[in-house]
Amino acid sequence: METPRVYGYINDICVIGHGSIGKGTLPLIKRHFKFDKITIIDPHPVELPEVSETVEFIQVGLTRDNFKEILDGIFVGKVGFCVNLSVGTSSSEIMQYCQAKGVFYIDTVKEEWEGYYSNEDVELWKRSNYGLREALLRDVRKHNRKTTAISCCGANPGMVSWFVKQALINLAKDIGFPLPEEPKTRNEWGKLMKDLGVKGIHIAERDTQRSNEIRDPKEFWNTWSVDGFISEGYYQPSELGWGTHEKWVPKEAVFHREGCQAAIYMTKPGMNVTVKTWCPTYGPQMGFLVTHDEAISISDYFTVKENDEVVYRPTCHYAYHPCAEAVASALEAIGSGEVPGEEKWKILEKEVVSGMDELGVLLFGHAKNAYWYGSQLDIKSTRERAPNQNATALQVTSAIIAGMTWALENP
């Protein structure tokens, strides 16, 4: 095996969350960065992390009342990096703390304090990813930004946005569209997508990983955070970026009155909304239209305006076919109207015996009809590359390492 590349030196690293993604990210951080100390924070880790002179574990939950005091005791060196891989913590408040402290920051999803998504006293649009995104942008723009902060940088959201750009380059070549140089600005990327005739993008994913165990009814199994899937698929509304070519509107759709207005949301959860999509291995399939930040950010990023008027915007949404155990778990939850307690949750990692996670972007509406570009990662290849994770997790953790590297190179 070739010597791993080391991408930078960090004095103090704080990893918030030691679930399926935190557990998988930790060995990659150790492999690819030099550091003085790593501190892991989690009230209920999936397993206790191995500690040493350079790795500390604090078993506590971060709250609005205690997070500043706890983080103050961690970030004492010149270069600090907060890697927020938790649920039930406020991405915005922790990011703002890091900005004031001069600490780098990365997360894989925008989160709020515990109980926010299931709080029916909070208006539905405020619990949507659109509402959370607009609030986060307002919050961070208040500050004189001292260090780089990257939000929503996992596989999806995150890596799939990079896939879209590469897919456009490939599509231009296949169609014979003249492209003397790669676009450099947001406006140039939007114009390229428009000129290629792309009407929409599915974030099309098929997870075929399977366990050799049998799930009992009323249990919730998944290949990544059960808590995260329940939050976005059961408690949050289904959402999608809404393109300018659309001539109809779903009857459950609601349009936003403020912000970038690049998306709509449905008055029912994503586990209860299905769409037809396509992935290479199994072809046509149904997927859950679960809310994801990339559905909004991609539609927003590739919007083209003329004289402040929107003239082009692609439709974009997630189309997710999880592993068989997660499909059954989701349908049981939606059908019964009840979410099983945490004692009945299970994340499949060591139990996985075969299968892959196939994640990509399906661009459609252009001269070639449709084009899928993405990652096909099976469990065997995953275990050859990295410990403590399945194929789903490695697509996320590798993107986190890429994001951390980019932040250090672009402080």
Protein backbone atom coordinates (compact mmCIF):
# COMPACT_ATOMS: atom_id res chain seq x y z
CA MET A 1 0.00 0.00 0.00
CA GLU A 2 1.37 3.40 -0.96
CA THR A 3 2.24 5.95 1.71
CA PRO A 4 -0.85 8.08 2.50
CA ARG A 5 -0.68 11.74 1.61
CA VAL A 6 -0.60 14.19 4.50
CA TYR A 7 -2.57 17.34 3.73
CA GLY A 8 -1.72 19.68 6.57
CA TYR A 9 -0.90 20.34 10.20
CA ILE A 10 -3.55 21.22 12.78
CA ASN A 11 -2.93 21.89 16.46
CA ASP A 12 -6.36 21.10 17.89
CA ILE A 13 -9.04 19.01 16.17
CA CYS A 14 -12.46 18.59 17.75
CA VAL A 15 -14.72 15.91 16.27
CA ILE A 16 -18.27 16.43 17.50
CA GLY A 17 -20.16 13.16 17.11
CA HIS A 18 -18.92 9.57 17.14
CA GLY A 19 -21.68 7.86 15.21
CA SER A 20 -21.27 5.99 11.94
CA ILE A 21 -19.67 8.99 10.19
CA GLY A 22 -17.58 10.22 13.11
CA LYS A 23 -16.22 6.73 13.72
CA GLY A 24 -15.28 6.39 10.06
CA THR A 25 -13.78 9.88 9.76
CA LEU A 26 -11.44 9.54 12.74
CA PRO A 27 -8.96 7.05 11.19
CA LEU A 28 -8.88 9.11 7.98
CA ILE A 29 -8.03 12.28 9.94
CA LYS A 30 -5.24 10.39 11.68
CA ARG A 31 -4.00 9.10 8.32
CA HIS A 32 -4.05 12.36 6.36
CA PHE A 33 -3.27 15.16 8.85
CA LYS A 34 -0.57 15.90 11.38
CA PHE A 35 -1.98 17.16 14.66
CA ASP A 36 -1.24 17.80 18.31
CA LYS A 37 -4.52 16.58 19.75
CA ILE A 38 -7.91 15.23 18.72
CA THR A 39 -10.85 15.59 21.09
CA ILE A 40 -14.01 13.57 20.41
CA ILE A 41 -17.32 14.67 21.94
CA ASP A 42 -20.44 12.49 22.02
CA PRO A 43 -22.97 11.69 24.77
CA HIS A 44 -23.93 8.35 23.19
CA PRO A 45 -21.17 7.06 20.87
CA VAL A 46 -21.85 4.00 18.72
CA GLU A 47 -18.78 2.58 20.43
CA LEU A 48 -16.17 4.05 22.75
CA PRO A 49 -13.26 5.51 20.77
CA GLU A 50 -9.73 4.41 21.54
CA VAL A 51 -7.97 7.14 23.52
CA SER A 52 -4.26 7.93 23.81
CA GLU A 53 -1.94 10.81 24.63
CA THR A 54 -3.13 12.57 21.48
CA VAL A 55 -6.78 11.43 21.40
CA GLU A 56 -9.22 12.43 24.15
CA PHE A 57 -12.87 11.47 24.52
CA ILE A 58 -15.43 13.60 26.38
CA GLN A 59 -18.76 11.85 26.91
CA VAL A 60 -21.09 14.83 27.07
CA GLY A 61 -23.81 16.32 24.91
CA LEU A 62 -23.33 19.85 23.62
CA THR A 63 -26.16 22.26 24.40
CA ARG A 64 -26.74 25.95 23.86
CA ASP A 65 -25.72 26.50 27.49
CA ASN A 66 -22.46 24.54 27.58
CA PHE A 67 -20.94 24.36 24.10
CA LYS A 68 -18.83 27.52 24.28
CA GLU A 69 -17.26 26.59 27.61
CA ILE A 70 -16.45 23.06 26.42
CA LEU A 71 -14.99 24.19 23.09
CA ASP A 72 -12.97 26.95 24.80
CA GLY A 73 -11.12 24.23 26.67
CA ILE A 74 -10.27 22.42 23.44
CA PHE A 75 -9.15 25.13 21.02
CA VAL A 76 -6.02 26.42 22.74
CA GLY A 77 -3.44 26.14 19.92
CA LYS A 78 -2.72 28.33 16.91
CA VAL A 79 -4.66 26.26 14.35
CA GLY A 80 -7.96 24.67 15.35
CA PHE A 81 -10.48 22.68 13.31
CA CYS A 82 -14.03 21.86 14.40
CA VAL A 83 -15.39 18.80 12.57
CA ASN A 84 -19.10 18.74 13.40
CA LEU A 85 -20.54 15.31 12.60
CA SER A 86 -23.29 15.35 15.19
CA VAL A 87 -27.06 15.56 15.30
CA GLY A 88 -28.98 17.76 17.71
CA THR A 89 -26.46 20.61 17.75
CA SER A 90 -26.82 24.02 16.10
CA SER A 91 -24.56 24.26 13.06
CA SER A 92 -25.13 28.00 12.91
CA GLU A 93 -24.23 28.74 16.53
CA ILE A 94 -21.16 26.49 16.53
CA MET A 95 -20.03 27.94 13.20
CA GLN A 96 -20.42 31.48 14.52
CA TYR A 97 -18.41 30.52 17.60
CA CYS A 98 -15.64 29.17 15.36
CA GLN A 99 -15.63 32.37 13.31
CA ALA A 100 -15.21 34.48 16.44
CA LYS A 101 -12.50 32.12 17.71
CA GLY A 102 -10.61 31.89 14.40
CA VAL A 103 -11.19 28.13 14.14
CA PHE A 104 -11.80 26.23 10.90
CA TYR A 105 -15.20 24.53 10.65
CA ILE A 106 -16.83 21.78 8.59
CA ASP A 107 -20.07 19.81 8.82
CA THR A 108 -22.02 17.43 6.59
CA VAL A 109 -25.51 18.81 7.23
CA LYS A 110 -27.13 21.85 8.81
CA GLU A 111 -28.41 20.86 12.24
CA GLU A 112 -30.42 22.49 15.02
CA TRP A 113 -30.53 21.89 18.75
CA GLU A 114 -32.14 18.65 19.90
CA GLY A 115 -35.90 18.41 19.31
CA TYR A 116 -36.17 21.14 16.67
CA TYR A 117 -37.30 18.97 13.74
CA SER A 118 -40.03 17.21 15.71
CA ASN A 119 -41.32 20.40 17.34
CA GLU A 120 -44.71 21.01 15.73
CA ASP A 121 -44.85 24.48 17.30
CA VAL A 122 -42.16 25.50 14.79
CA GLU A 123 -43.65 26.34 11.39
CA LEU A 124 -43.02 23.68 8.76
CA TRP A 125 -41.12 25.99 6.41
CA LYS A 126 -38.73 26.92 9.21
CA ARG A 127 -37.99 23.22 9.73
CA SER A 128 -37.33 22.80 6.01
CA ASN A 129 -33.77 22.71 4.69
CA TYR A 130 -34.61 25.82 2.68
CA GLY A 131 -35.53 27.68 5.86
CA LEU A 132 -32.44 26.41 7.69
CA ARG A 133 -30.19 27.36 4.77
CA GLU A 134 -31.56 30.89 4.55
CA ALA A 135 -31.21 31.34 8.33
CA LEU A 136 -27.62 30.05 8.30
CA LEU A 137 -26.64 32.38 5.46
CA ARG A 138 -28.13 35.34 7.34
CA ASP A 139 -26.29 34.37 10.52
CA VAL A 140 -22.82 33.93 9.03
CA ARG A 141 -23.05 37.10 6.94
CA LYS A 142 -23.24 39.11 10.16
CA HIS A 143 -19.61 38.35 10.93
CA ASN A 144 -16.23 39.41 9.65
CA ARG A 145 -15.20 35.95 8.54
CA LYS A 146 -11.81 35.06 10.03
CA THR A 147 -11.41 31.47 8.87
CA THR A 148 -12.95 29.17 6.29
CA ALA A 149 -16.17 27.41 7.27
CA ILE A 150 -17.71 24.72 5.05
CA SER A 151 -21.25 23.54 5.62
CA CYS A 152 -22.94 20.48 4.11
CA CYS A 153 -19.75 18.82 2.86
CA GLY A 154 -20.35 15.08 2.90
CA ALA A 155 -21.32 12.84 0.00
CA ASN A 156 -24.71 14.44 -0.44
CA PRO A 157 -24.88 17.24 0.17
CA GLY A 158 -21.29 17.96 -0.81
CA MET A 159 -19.55 15.63 -3.24
CA VAL A 160 -22.58 15.42 -5.54
CA SER A 161 -22.20 19.14 -6.32
CA TRP A 162 -18.70 18.38 -7.60
CA PHE A 163 -20.20 15.53 -9.63
CA VAL A 164 -22.59 17.94 -11.35
CA LYS A 165 -19.74 20.12 -12.61
CA GLN A 166 -17.78 17.16 -13.95
CA ALA A 167 -20.93 15.74 -15.52
CA LEU A 168 -21.46 19.02 -17.38
CA ILE A 169 -17.90 18.92 -18.72
CA ASN A 170 -18.39 15.32 -19.87
CA LEU A 171 -21.79 16.09 -21.37
CA ALA A 172 -20.43 19.05 -23.34
CA LYS A 173 -17.80 16.75 -24.85
CA ASP A 174 -20.32 14.02 -25.68
CA ILE A 175 -22.74 16.45 -27.30
CA GLY A 176 -20.00 18.26 -29.20
CA PHE A 177 -20.67 21.55 -27.46
CA PRO A 178 -17.72 23.96 -27.90
CA LEU A 179 -16.03 24.51 -24.55
CA PRO A 180 -12.62 26.14 -24.99
CA GLU A 181 -12.06 26.28 -21.22
CA GLU A 182 -13.74 25.12 -18.04
CA PRO A 183 -16.15 27.63 -16.44
CA LYS A 184 -14.64 29.59 -13.57
CA THR A 185 -17.55 31.55 -12.13
CA ARG A 186 -20.98 30.67 -10.85
CA ASN A 187 -22.58 32.56 -13.73
CA GLU A 188 -20.45 30.69 -16.29
CA TRP A 189 -21.44 27.32 -14.80
CA GLY A 190 -25.11 28.28 -14.86
CA LYS A 191 -24.87 29.43 -18.46
CA LEU A 192 -23.17 26.17 -19.46
CA MET A 193 -25.95 24.10 -17.89
CA LYS A 194 -28.56 26.26 -19.60
CA ASP A 195 -26.84 26.08 -23.00
CA LEU A 196 -26.54 22.29 -22.74
CA GLY A 197 -30.31 22.09 -22.30
CA VAL A 198 -30.26 20.42 -18.88
CA LYS A 199 -33.70 20.70 -17.32
CA GLY A 200 -33.14 18.82 -14.10
CA ILE A 201 -30.90 16.76 -11.86
CA HIS A 202 -31.76 13.77 -9.73
CA ILE A 203 -29.39 12.96 -6.90
CA ALA A 204 -29.96 9.30 -7.69
CA GLU A 205 -28.81 6.76 -5.11
CA ARG A 206 -29.25 3.01 -4.74
CA ASP A 207 -27.93 1.21 -1.66
CA THR A 208 -27.82 -2.58 -2.06
CA GLN A 209 -25.75 -3.38 1.02
CA ARG A 210 -27.26 -6.21 3.00
CA SER A 211 -26.77 -7.87 6.33
CA ASN A 212 -26.76 -11.56 7.20
CA GLU A 213 -29.11 -10.79 10.09
CA ILE A 214 -32.90 -10.50 10.13
CA ARG A 215 -34.57 -7.27 11.22
CA ASP A 216 -37.41 -7.57 13.69
CA PRO A 217 -40.60 -5.59 12.99
CA LYS A 218 -40.65 -2.12 14.55
CA GLU A 219 -36.86 -1.85 14.47
CA PHE A 220 -35.18 0.82 12.34
CA TRP A 221 -32.05 -0.28 10.50
CA ASN A 222 -29.94 1.84 8.17
CA THR A 223 -26.43 2.04 6.72
CA TRP A 224 -25.88 5.52 8.19
CA SER A 225 -27.39 7.65 10.97
CA VAL A 226 -30.87 6.40 11.84
CA ASP A 227 -31.47 9.64 13.72
CA GLY A 228 -30.47 11.66 10.65
CA PHE A 229 -32.68 9.66 8.28
CA ILE A 230 -35.68 9.98 10.60
CA SER A 231 -35.14 13.74 10.93
CA GLU A 232 -34.96 14.41 7.19
CA GLY A 233 -37.33 11.70 6.00
CA TYR A 234 -40.02 11.66 8.69
CA TYR A 235 -40.05 15.04 10.46
CA GLN A 236 -38.91 17.46 7.75
CA PRO A 237 -41.01 18.16 4.64
CA SER A 238 -40.09 16.77 1.25
CA GLU A 239 -38.27 19.47 -0.76
CA LEU A 240 -36.97 20.03 -4.25
CA GLY A 241 -35.32 22.75 -6.27
CA TRP A 242 -37.92 24.00 -8.76
CA GLY A 243 -36.91 24.65 -12.37
CA THR A 244 -38.09 27.39 -14.71
CA HIS A 245 -39.22 24.81 -17.29
CA GLU A 246 -41.85 23.28 -14.98
CA LYS A 247 -45.42 23.76 -16.24
CA TRP A 248 -47.25 22.13 -13.35
CA VAL A 249 -47.19 22.23 -9.57
CA PRO A 250 -47.79 19.30 -7.19
CA LYS A 251 -50.98 19.88 -5.24
CA GLU A 252 -49.14 19.59 -1.90
CA ALA A 253 -46.46 22.12 -2.95
CA VAL A 254 -45.79 25.39 -1.13
CA PHE A 255 -43.66 28.23 -2.51
CA HIS A 256 -41.39 30.30 -0.29
CA ARG A 257 -41.99 34.03 0.03
CA GLU A 258 -38.46 35.10 0.92
CA GLY A 259 -34.86 34.20 0.18
CA CYS A 260 -33.51 32.85 -3.11
CA GLN A 261 -36.85 31.14 -3.92
CA ALA A 262 -35.03 28.32 -5.71
CA ALA A 263 -37.09 25.56 -4.09
CA ILE A 264 -40.52 24.42 -3.02
CA TYR A 265 -41.58 22.10 -0.22
CA MET A 266 -44.36 19.58 0.16
CA THR A 267 -46.73 19.37 3.09
CA LYS A 268 -45.76 15.76 3.72
CA PRO A 269 -42.48 14.04 4.60
CA GLY A 270 -40.04 12.55 2.11
CA MET A 271 -40.58 8.99 3.32
CA ASN A 272 -44.13 9.43 2.01
CA VAL A 273 -43.16 10.85 -1.42
CA THR A 274 -41.68 8.62 -4.13
CA VAL A 275 -40.28 9.44 -7.56
CA LYS A 276 -39.05 7.34 -10.45
CA THR A 277 -35.34 7.61 -11.16
CA TRP A 278 -32.43 5.60 -12.58
CA CYS A 279 -29.08 4.20 -11.44
CA PRO A 280 -26.66 2.21 -13.63
CA THR A 281 -26.65 -1.21 -11.97
CA TYR A 282 -30.37 -1.87 -11.62
CA GLY A 283 -31.75 0.73 -14.01
CA PRO A 284 -35.18 2.28 -13.38
CA GLN A 285 -36.23 2.40 -9.74
CA MET A 286 -38.40 4.23 -7.25
CA GLY A 287 -36.78 6.46 -4.67
CA PHE A 288 -37.86 8.53 -1.68
CA LEU A 289 -37.96 12.28 -2.37
CA VAL A 290 -36.29 13.06 0.93
CA THR A 291 -35.20 16.62 1.59
CA HIS A 292 -31.51 17.33 1.16
CA ASP A 293 -29.63 20.61 1.07
CA GLU A 294 -28.10 19.92 -2.35
CA ALA A 295 -31.56 19.96 -3.93
CA ILE A 296 -31.76 23.63 -2.99
CA SER A 297 -28.12 24.69 -3.33
CA ILE A 298 -27.65 23.15 -6.80
CA SER A 299 -30.81 24.77 -8.15
CA ASP A 300 -29.73 28.06 -6.63
CA TYR A 301 -26.10 27.86 -7.80
CA PHE A 302 -26.93 27.14 -11.44
CA THR A 303 -29.63 29.82 -11.68
CA VAL A 304 -29.10 32.27 -14.55
CA LYS A 305 -30.39 35.83 -14.26
CA GLU A 306 -30.71 38.65 -16.76
CA ASN A 307 -31.38 42.12 -15.38
CA ASP A 308 -32.13 40.53 -11.99
CA GLU A 309 -34.81 38.31 -13.55
CA VAL A 310 -34.46 34.53 -13.36
CA VAL A 311 -34.33 33.16 -16.91
CA TYR A 312 -33.09 29.66 -16.13
CA ARG A 313 -33.05 27.34 -13.16
CA PRO A 314 -32.88 23.53 -13.08
CA THR A 315 -35.15 21.29 -11.06
CA CYS A 316 -33.14 19.26 -8.56
CA HIS A 317 -34.05 16.69 -5.93
CA TYR A 318 -32.87 13.63 -4.08
CA ALA A 319 -34.20 10.26 -5.26
CA TYR A 320 -33.08 7.80 -2.61
CA HIS A 321 -33.49 4.04 -2.60
CA PRO A 322 -31.85 2.99 0.69
CA CYS A 323 -30.88 -0.54 1.65
CA ALA A 324 -33.73 -3.06 1.90
CA GLU A 325 -33.80 -2.96 5.71
CA ALA A 326 -34.06 0.85 5.68
CA VAL A 327 -36.86 0.78 3.09
CA ALA A 328 -38.87 -1.58 5.29
CA SER A 329 -38.10 0.52 8.38
CA ALA A 330 -39.19 3.75 6.69
CA LEU A 331 -42.44 2.28 5.36
CA GLU A 332 -43.28 0.91 8.81
CA ALA A 333 -42.67 4.32 10.41
CA ILE A 334 -44.77 6.18 7.83
CA GLY A 335 -47.51 3.56 7.88
CA SER A 336 -47.84 3.44 11.66
CA GLY A 337 -47.17 7.11 12.31
CA GLU A 338 -44.67 6.08 14.97
CA VAL A 339 -40.89 6.23 15.12
CA PRO A 340 -39.23 3.46 17.15
CA GLY A 341 -37.14 4.49 20.14
CA GLU A 342 -33.37 4.69 20.01
CA GLU A 343 -33.04 1.27 21.65
CA LYS A 344 -34.48 -0.23 18.43
CA TRP A 345 -32.09 1.58 16.06
CA LYS A 346 -29.24 -0.18 14.30
CA ILE A 347 -26.54 1.05 11.93
CA LEU A 348 -25.24 -1.73 9.69
CA GLU A 349 -21.45 -1.79 9.40
CA LYS A 350 -19.71 -5.00 10.46
CA GLU A 351 -22.95 -6.87 9.67
CA VAL A 352 -22.79 -5.96 5.95
CA VAL A 353 -21.85 -9.01 3.89
CA SER A 354 -22.32 -7.74 0.33
CA GLY A 355 -23.64 -4.93 -1.84
CA MET A 356 -22.71 -1.42 -2.84
CA ASP A 357 -23.77 2.19 -2.52
CA GLU A 358 -24.31 3.72 -5.94
CA LEU A 359 -24.55 7.51 -5.68
CA GLY A 360 -24.56 9.94 -8.56
CA VAL A 361 -26.21 12.79 -10.41
CA LEU A 362 -28.67 12.10 -13.22
CA LEU A 363 -28.79 15.08 -15.60
CA PHE A 364 -31.78 14.99 -17.93
CA GLY A 365 -33.55 17.00 -20.62
CA HIS A 366 -30.53 17.54 -22.89
CA ALA A 367 -29.72 16.25 -26.39
CA LYS A 368 -28.54 12.90 -25.02
CA ASN A 369 -31.71 12.55 -22.91
CA ALA A 370 -30.10 11.55 -19.59
CA TYR A 371 -26.61 11.07 -18.17
CA TRP A 372 -25.62 9.58 -14.78
CA TYR A 373 -22.23 10.35 -13.25
CA GLY A 374 -21.12 9.27 -9.82
CA SER A 375 -19.63 6.73 -7.44
CA GLN A 376 -20.10 2.95 -7.36
CA LEU A 377 -18.49 1.70 -4.17
CA ASP A 378 -18.93 -1.85 -2.90
CA ILE A 379 -18.31 -3.11 0.61
CA LYS A 380 -15.21 -5.14 -0.36
CA SER A 381 -13.47 -2.10 -1.88
CA THR A 382 -14.50 -0.02 1.11
CA ARG A 383 -12.87 -2.35 3.61
CA GLU A 384 -9.69 -2.42 1.54
CA ARG A 385 -9.50 1.38 1.69
CA ALA A 386 -10.59 2.36 5.19
CA PRO A 387 -11.58 0.83 8.54
CA ASN A 388 -14.71 1.26 10.67
CA GLN A 389 -17.24 2.01 7.94
CA ASN A 390 -19.46 0.71 5.18
CA ALA A 391 -19.68 1.91 1.57
CA THR A 392 -22.22 4.62 2.38
CA ALA A 393 -20.03 6.09 5.11
CA LEU A 394 -16.79 6.13 3.09
CA GLN A 395 -18.40 8.29 0.40
CA VAL A 396 -19.16 10.78 3.18
CA THR A 397 -15.92 10.57 5.16
CA SER A 398 -13.70 10.92 2.08
CA ALA A 399 -15.55 14.13 1.18
CA ILE A 400 -15.00 15.45 4.72
CA ILE A 401 -11.24 14.93 4.33
CA ALA A 402 -11.38 16.72 0.96
CA GLY A 403 -13.28 19.61 2.53
CA MET A 404 -10.83 19.91 5.43
CA THR A 405 -7.93 19.93 2.98
CA TRP A 406 -9.54 22.64 0.86
CA ALA A 407 -10.21 24.77 3.94
CA LEU A 408 -6.58 24.61 5.05
CA GLU A 409 -5.44 25.51 1.53
CA ASN A 410 -7.98 28.35 1.35
CA PRO A 411 -7.97 29.89 4.84
